[in-house]
Amino acid sequence: ADSQRRPFIYAQSNDGYDSWGQGTQVT
């Protein structure tokens, strides 16, 4: 999630987000 309204160009970048979940496995 991004709460800082980063530009659209950052939408696919790790640097575009400031919060991360713990992950859920898909097999």
PDB file of all heavy atoms in Angstrom:
ATOM      1  N   ALA A   1       0.822  -1.199   0.000  1.00  0.00           N
ATOM      2  CA  ALA A   1       0.000   0.000   0.000  1.00  0.00           C
ATOM      3  C   ALA A   1       0.857   1.250   0.000  1.00  0.00           C
ATOM      4  O   ALA A   1       1.935   1.276   0.593  1.00  0.00           O
ATOM      5  CB  ALA A   1      -0.930   0.014   1.215  1.00  0.00           C
ATOM      6  N   ASP A   2       0.354   2.276  -0.673  1.00  0.00           N
ATOM      7  CA  ASP A   2       0.995   3.582  -0.736  1.00  0.00           C
ATOM      8  C   ASP A   2       0.039   4.618  -0.167  1.00  0.00           C
ATOM      9  O   ASP A   2      -1.055   4.814  -0.709  1.00  0.00           O
ATOM     10  CB  ASP A   2       1.360   3.934  -2.176  1.00  0.00           C
ATOM     11  CG  ASP A   2       1.825   5.371  -2.332  1.00  0.00           C
ATOM     12  OD1 ASP A   2       2.405   5.925  -1.366  1.00  0.00           O
ATOM     13  OD2 ASP A   2       1.620   5.955  -3.420  1.00  0.00           O
ATOM     14  N   SER A   3       0.454   5.264   0.898  1.00  0.00           N
ATOM     15  CA  SER A   3      -0.348   6.313   1.518  1.00  0.00           C
ATOM     16  C   SER A   3       0.139   7.713   1.173  1.00  0.00           C
ATOM     17  O   SER A   3      -0.439   8.694   1.636  1.00  0.00           O
ATOM     18  CB  SER A   3      -0.347   6.144   3.039  1.00  0.00           C
ATOM     19  OG  SER A   3       0.955   6.295   3.570  1.00  0.00           O
ATOM     20  N   GLN A   4       1.185   7.816   0.350  1.00  0.00           N
ATOM     21  CA  GLN A   4       1.821   9.093   0.053  1.00  0.00           C
ATOM     22  C   GLN A   4       1.502   9.632  -1.333  1.00  0.00           C
ATOM     23  O   GLN A   4       2.074  10.634  -1.749  1.00  0.00           O
ATOM     24  CB  GLN A   4       3.342   8.961   0.222  1.00  0.00           C
ATOM     25  CG  GLN A   4       3.772   8.532   1.616  1.00  0.00           C
ATOM     26  CD  GLN A   4       5.280   8.438   1.757  1.00  0.00           C
ATOM     27  OE1 GLN A   4       6.023   9.037   0.979  1.00  0.00           O
ATOM     28  NE2 GLN A   4       5.726   7.693   2.744  1.00  0.00           N
ATOM     29  N   ARG A   5       0.609   9.000  -2.051  1.00  0.00           N
ATOM     30  CA  ARG A   5       0.198   9.420  -3.385  1.00  0.00           C
ATOM     31  C   ARG A   5       1.402   9.589  -4.309  1.00  0.00           C
ATOM     32  O   ARG A   5       1.610  10.657  -4.914  1.00  0.00           O
ATOM     33  CB  ARG A   5      -0.620  10.711  -3.318  1.00  0.00           C
ATOM     34  CG  ARG A   5      -1.428  10.985  -4.580  1.00  0.00           C
ATOM     35  CD  ARG A   5      -2.197  12.295  -4.487  1.00  0.00           C
ATOM     36  NE  ARG A   5      -2.963  12.541  -5.698  1.00  0.00           N
ATOM     37  CZ  ARG A   5      -2.459  13.096  -6.791  1.00  0.00           C
ATOM     38  NH1 ARG A   5      -1.184  13.461  -6.838  1.00  0.00           N
ATOM     39  NH2 ARG A   5      -3.234  13.282  -7.858  1.00  0.00           N
ATOM     40  N   ARG A   6       2.175   8.547  -4.419  1.00  0.00           N
ATOM     41  CA  ARG A   6       3.293   8.571  -5.349  1.00  0.00           C
ATOM     42  C   ARG A   6       2.789   8.570  -6.788  1.00  0.00           C
ATOM     43  O   ARG A   6       1.706   8.067  -7.074  1.00  0.00           O
ATOM     44  CB  ARG A   6       4.220   7.379  -5.105  1.00  0.00           C
ATOM     45  CG  ARG A   6       4.898   7.394  -3.741  1.00  0.00           C
ATOM     46  CD  ARG A   6       5.758   6.153  -3.546  1.00  0.00           C
ATOM     47  NE  ARG A   6       6.570   6.213  -2.349  1.00  0.00           N
ATOM     48  CZ  ARG A   6       6.162   5.807  -1.151  1.00  0.00           C
ATOM     49  NH1 ARG A   6       4.940   5.313  -0.996  1.00  0.00           N
ATOM     50  NH2 ARG A   6       6.983   5.896  -0.114  1.00  0.00           N
ATOM     51  N   PRO A   7       3.560   9.135  -7.724  1.00  0.00           N
ATOM     52  CA  PRO A   7       3.126   9.187  -9.125  1.00  0.00           C
ATOM     53  C   PRO A   7       2.879   7.801  -9.702  1.00  0.00           C
ATOM     54  O   PRO A   7       3.440   6.805  -9.242  1.00  0.00           O
ATOM     55  CB  PRO A   7       4.300   9.876  -9.826  1.00  0.00           C
ATOM     56  CG  PRO A   7       4.967  10.677  -8.756  1.00  0.00           C
ATOM     57  CD  PRO A   7       4.820   9.852  -7.506  1.00  0.00           C
ATOM     58  N   PHE A   8       2.070   7.739 -10.736  1.00  0.00           N
ATOM     59  CA  PHE A   8       1.678   6.483 -11.354  1.00  0.00           C
ATOM     60  C   PHE A   8       2.880   5.678 -11.827  1.00  0.00           C
ATOM     61  O   PHE A   8       2.838   4.445 -11.834  1.00  0.00           O
ATOM     62  CB  PHE A   8       0.735   6.761 -12.522  1.00  0.00           C
ATOM     63  CG  PHE A   8       0.224   5.520 -13.203  1.00  0.00           C
ATOM     64  CD1 PHE A   8      -0.717   4.714 -12.588  1.00  0.00           C
ATOM     65  CD2 PHE A   8       0.680   5.164 -14.462  1.00  0.00           C
ATOM     66  CE1 PHE A   8      -1.195   3.570 -13.208  1.00  0.00           C
ATOM     67  CE2 PHE A   8       0.210   4.028 -15.099  1.00  0.00           C
ATOM     68  CZ  PHE A   8      -0.731   3.229 -14.470  1.00  0.00           C
ATOM     69  N   ILE A   9       3.950   6.348 -12.208  1.00  0.00           N
ATOM     70  CA  ILE A   9       5.123   5.653 -12.709  1.00  0.00           C
ATOM     71  C   ILE A   9       5.722   4.714 -11.661  1.00  0.00           C
ATOM     72  O   ILE A   9       6.437   3.765 -11.995  1.00  0.00           O
ATOM     73  CB  ILE A   9       6.178   6.663 -13.206  1.00  0.00           C
ATOM     74  CG1 ILE A   9       7.255   5.967 -14.029  1.00  0.00           C
ATOM     75  CG2 ILE A   9       6.783   7.421 -12.038  1.00  0.00           C
ATOM     76  CD1 ILE A   9       8.229   6.923 -14.693  1.00  0.00           C
ATOM     77  N   TYR A  10       5.413   4.960 -10.388  1.00  0.00           N
ATOM     78  CA  TYR A  10       5.928   4.114  -9.316  1.00  0.00           C
ATOM     79  C   TYR A  10       5.026   2.926  -8.989  1.00  0.00           C
ATOM     80  O   TYR A  10       5.336   2.154  -8.079  1.00  0.00           O
ATOM     81  CB  TYR A  10       6.131   4.941  -8.047  1.00  0.00           C
ATOM     82  CG  TYR A  10       7.246   5.949  -8.140  1.00  0.00           C
ATOM     83  CD1 TYR A  10       6.972   7.286  -8.401  1.00  0.00           C
ATOM     84  CD2 TYR A  10       8.566   5.569  -7.963  1.00  0.00           C
ATOM     85  CE1 TYR A  10       7.996   8.220  -8.491  1.00  0.00           C
ATOM     86  CE2 TYR A  10       9.590   6.499  -8.049  1.00  0.00           C
ATOM     87  CZ  TYR A  10       9.295   7.820  -8.316  1.00  0.00           C
ATOM     88  OH  TYR A  10      10.308   8.745  -8.398  1.00  0.00           O
ATOM     89  N   ALA A  11       3.939   2.751  -9.706  1.00  0.00           N
ATOM     90  CA  ALA A  11       2.943   1.746  -9.352  1.00  0.00           C
ATOM     91  C   ALA A  11       3.490   0.319  -9.373  1.00  0.00           C
ATOM     92  O   ALA A  11       3.007  -0.538  -8.632  1.00  0.00           O
ATOM     93  CB  ALA A  11       1.741   1.855 -10.279  1.00  0.00           C
ATOM     94  N   GLN A  12       4.474   0.053 -10.217  1.00  0.00           N
ATOM     95  CA  GLN A  12       5.047  -1.281 -10.338  1.00  0.00           C
ATOM     96  C   GLN A  12       6.433  -1.379  -9.707  1.00  0.00           C
ATOM     97  O   GLN A  12       7.153  -2.351  -9.950  1.00  0.00           O
ATOM     98  CB  GLN A  12       5.110  -1.706 -11.804  1.00  0.00           C
ATOM     99  CG  GLN A  12       3.743  -1.857 -12.448  1.00  0.00           C
ATOM    100  CD  GLN A  12       3.825  -2.258 -13.897  1.00  0.00           C
ATOM    101  OE1 GLN A  12       4.297  -1.492 -14.738  1.00  0.00           O
ATOM    102  NE2 GLN A  12       3.373  -3.461 -14.207  1.00  0.00           N
ATOM    103  N   SER A  13       6.782  -0.414  -8.888  1.00  0.00           N
ATOM    104  CA  SER A  13       8.097  -0.358  -8.258  1.00  0.00           C
ATOM    105  C   SER A  13       7.998  -0.683  -6.769  1.00  0.00           C
ATOM    106  O   SER A  13       7.056  -0.283  -6.091  1.00  0.00           O
ATOM    107  CB  SER A  13       8.713   1.023  -8.451  1.00  0.00           C
ATOM    108  OG  SER A  13       9.902   1.154  -7.691  1.00  0.00           O
ATOM    109  N   ASN A  14       8.991  -1.401  -6.265  1.00  0.00           N
ATOM    110  CA  ASN A  14       9.072  -1.643  -4.822  1.00  0.00           C
ATOM    111  C   ASN A  14       9.100  -0.339  -4.036  1.00  0.00           C
ATOM    112  O   ASN A  14       8.578  -0.271  -2.920  1.00  0.00           O
ATOM    113  CB  ASN A  14      10.319  -2.458  -4.485  1.00  0.00           C
ATOM    114  CG  ASN A  14      10.259  -3.870  -5.007  1.00  0.00           C
ATOM    115  OD1 ASN A  14       9.191  -4.438  -5.197  1.00  0.00           O
ATOM    116  ND2 ASN A  14      11.433  -4.461  -5.226  1.00  0.00           N
ATOM    117  N   ASP A  15       9.717   0.687  -4.628  1.00  0.00           N
ATOM    118  CA  ASP A  15       9.842   1.978  -3.970  1.00  0.00           C
ATOM    119  C   ASP A  15       8.539   2.755  -3.952  1.00  0.00           C
ATOM    120  O   ASP A  15       8.475   3.825  -3.347  1.00  0.00           O
ATOM    121  CB  ASP A  15      10.919   2.816  -4.656  1.00  0.00           C
ATOM    122  CG  ASP A  15      12.299   2.220  -4.520  1.00  0.00           C
ATOM    123  OD1 ASP A  15      12.538   1.497  -3.532  1.00  0.00           O
ATOM    124  OD2 ASP A  15      13.143   2.477  -5.395  1.00  0.00           O
ATOM    125  N   GLY A  16       7.507   2.262  -4.611  1.00  0.00           N
ATOM    126  CA  GLY A  16       6.234   2.954  -4.655  1.00  0.00           C
ATOM    127  C   GLY A  16       5.329   2.688  -3.472  1.00  0.00           C
ATOM    128  O   GLY A  16       4.228   3.242  -3.415  1.00  0.00           O
ATOM    129  N   TYR A  17       5.780   1.872  -2.540  1.00  0.00           N
ATOM    130  CA  TYR A  17       4.923   1.442  -1.441  1.00  0.00           C
ATOM    131  C   TYR A  17       5.633   1.539  -0.105  1.00  0.00           C
ATOM    132  O   TYR A  17       6.844   1.292  -0.009  1.00  0.00           O
ATOM    133  CB  TYR A  17       4.428   0.011  -1.704  1.00  0.00           C
ATOM    134  CG  TYR A  17       3.672  -0.063  -2.998  1.00  0.00           C
ATOM    135  CD1 TYR A  17       4.327  -0.345  -4.190  1.00  0.00           C
ATOM    136  CD2 TYR A  17       2.310   0.204  -3.029  1.00  0.00           C
ATOM    137  CE1 TYR A  17       3.634  -0.359  -5.392  1.00  0.00           C
ATOM    138  CE2 TYR A  17       1.613   0.188  -4.225  1.00  0.00           C
ATOM    139  CZ  TYR A  17       2.281  -0.095  -5.398  1.00  0.00           C
ATOM    140  OH  TYR A  17       1.589  -0.109  -6.587  1.00  0.00           O
ATOM    141  N   ASP A  18       4.871   1.888   0.921  1.00  0.00           N
ATOM    142  CA  ASP A  18       5.443   2.084   2.242  1.00  0.00           C
ATOM    143  C   ASP A  18       4.936   1.091   3.284  1.00  0.00           C
ATOM    144  O   ASP A  18       5.404   1.112   4.426  1.00  0.00           O
ATOM    145  CB  ASP A  18       5.188   3.522   2.741  1.00  0.00           C
ATOM    146  CG  ASP A  18       3.772   3.988   2.490  1.00  0.00           C
ATOM    147  OD1 ASP A  18       2.852   3.480   3.168  1.00  0.00           O
ATOM    148  OD2 ASP A  18       3.577   4.872   1.635  1.00  0.00           O
ATOM    149  N   SER A  19       3.998   0.232   2.908  1.00  0.00           N
ATOM    150  CA  SER A  19       3.500  -0.805   3.807  1.00  0.00           C
ATOM    151  C   SER A  19       3.400  -2.119   3.059  1.00  0.00           C
ATOM    152  O   SER A  19       3.016  -2.145   1.891  1.00  0.00           O
ATOM    153  CB  SER A  19       2.130  -0.438   4.381  1.00  0.00           C
ATOM    154  OG  SER A  19       2.198   0.740   5.174  1.00  0.00           O
ATOM    155  N   TRP A  20       3.716  -3.206   3.756  1.00  0.00           N
ATOM    156  CA  TRP A  20       3.709  -4.528   3.147  1.00  0.00           C
ATOM    157  C   TRP A  20       3.067  -5.541   4.078  1.00  0.00           C
ATOM    158  O   TRP A  20       3.259  -5.499   5.292  1.00  0.00           O
ATOM    159  CB  TRP A  20       5.134  -4.990   2.827  1.00  0.00           C
ATOM    160  CG  TRP A  20       5.815  -4.146   1.804  1.00  0.00           C
ATOM    161  CD1 TRP A  20       6.479  -2.971   2.009  1.00  0.00           C
ATOM    162  CD2 TRP A  20       5.884  -4.406   0.402  1.00  0.00           C
ATOM    163  NE1 TRP A  20       6.959  -2.483   0.817  1.00  0.00           N
ATOM    164  CE2 TRP A  20       6.610  -3.344  -0.185  1.00  0.00           C
ATOM    165  CE3 TRP A  20       5.410  -5.430  -0.415  1.00  0.00           C
ATOM    166  CZ2 TRP A  20       6.864  -3.287  -1.557  1.00  0.00           C
ATOM    167  CZ3 TRP A  20       5.660  -5.371  -1.776  1.00  0.00           C
ATOM    168  CH2 TRP A  20       6.380  -4.312  -2.329  1.00  0.00           C
ATOM    169  N   GLY A  21       2.299  -6.462   3.494  1.00  0.00           N
ATOM    170  CA  GLY A  21       1.745  -7.553   4.264  1.00  0.00           C
ATOM    171  C   GLY A  21       2.767  -8.650   4.480  1.00  0.00           C
ATOM    172  O   GLY A  21       3.890  -8.597   3.973  1.00  0.00           O
ATOM    173  N   GLN A  22       2.378  -9.657   5.238  1.00  0.00           N
ATOM    174  CA  GLN A  22       3.293 -10.748   5.567  1.00  0.00           C
ATOM    175  C   GLN A  22       3.387 -11.789   4.464  1.00  0.00           C
ATOM    176  O   GLN A  22       4.307 -12.610   4.474  1.00  0.00           O
ATOM    177  CB  GLN A  22       2.855 -11.415   6.872  1.00  0.00           C
ATOM    178  CG  GLN A  22       1.730 -12.436   6.736  1.00  0.00           C
ATOM    179  CD  GLN A  22       0.371 -11.813   6.509  1.00  0.00           C
ATOM    180  OE1 GLN A  22       0.203 -10.593   6.579  1.00  0.00           O
ATOM    181  NE2 GLN A  22      -0.622 -12.656   6.240  1.00  0.00           N
ATOM    182  N   GLY A  23       2.465 -11.773   3.525  1.00  0.00           N
ATOM    183  CA  GLY A  23       2.468 -12.705   2.415  1.00  0.00           C
ATOM    184  C   GLY A  23       1.492 -13.844   2.594  1.00  0.00           C
ATOM    185  O   GLY A  23       1.253 -14.315   3.702  1.00  0.00           O
ATOM    186  N   THR A  24       0.915 -14.302   1.484  1.00  0.00           N
ATOM    187  CA  THR A  24       0.047 -15.466   1.476  1.00  0.00           C
ATOM    188  C   THR A  24       0.471 -16.367   0.325  1.00  0.00           C
ATOM    189  O   THR A  24       0.687 -15.908  -0.797  1.00  0.00           O
ATOM    190  CB  THR A  24      -1.442 -15.065   1.361  1.00  0.00           C
ATOM    191  OG1 THR A  24      -2.264 -16.232   1.422  1.00  0.00           O
ATOM    192  CG2 THR A  24      -1.725 -14.315   0.067  1.00  0.00           C
ATOM    193  N   GLN A  25       0.631 -17.644   0.605  1.00  0.00           N
ATOM    194  CA  GLN A  25       1.196 -18.572  -0.366  1.00  0.00           C
ATOM    195  C   GLN A  25       0.147 -19.036  -1.367  1.00  0.00           C
ATOM    196  O   GLN A  25      -0.956 -19.432  -1.003  1.00  0.00           O
ATOM    197  CB  GLN A  25       1.802 -19.785   0.346  1.00  0.00           C
ATOM    198  CG  GLN A  25       2.403 -20.839  -0.584  1.00  0.00           C
ATOM    199  CD  GLN A  25       3.642 -20.342  -1.301  1.00  0.00           C
ATOM    200  OE1 GLN A  25       4.439 -19.596  -0.733  1.00  0.00           O
ATOM    201  NE2 GLN A  25       3.802 -20.744  -2.558  1.00  0.00           N
ATOM    202  N   VAL A  26       0.518 -19.018  -2.643  1.00  0.00           N
ATOM    203  CA  VAL A  26      -0.287 -19.583  -3.720  1.00  0.00           C
ATOM    204  C   VAL A  26       0.534 -20.667  -4.391  1.00  0.00           C
ATOM    205  O   VAL A  26       1.649 -20.417  -4.846  1.00  0.00           O
ATOM    206  CB  VAL A  26      -0.695 -18.515  -4.746  1.00  0.00           C
ATOM    207  CG1 VAL A  26      -1.357 -19.166  -5.967  1.00  0.00           C
ATOM    208  CG2 VAL A  26      -1.634 -17.504  -4.110  1.00  0.00           C
ATOM    209  N   THR A  27      -0.008 -21.868  -4.441  1.00  0.00           N
ATOM    210  CA  THR A  27       0.678 -22.992  -5.055  1.00  0.00           C
ATOM    211  C   THR A  27      -0.213 -23.596  -6.130  1.00  0.00           C
ATOM    212  O   THR A  27      -1.351 -23.977  -5.859  1.00  0.00           O
ATOM    213  CB  THR A  27       1.037 -24.057  -4.010  1.00  0.00           C
ATOM    214  OG1 THR A  27       1.854 -23.485  -2.989  1.00  0.00           O
ATOM    215  CG2 THR A  27       1.778 -25.218  -4.662  1.00  0.00           C
TER     216      THR A  27
END
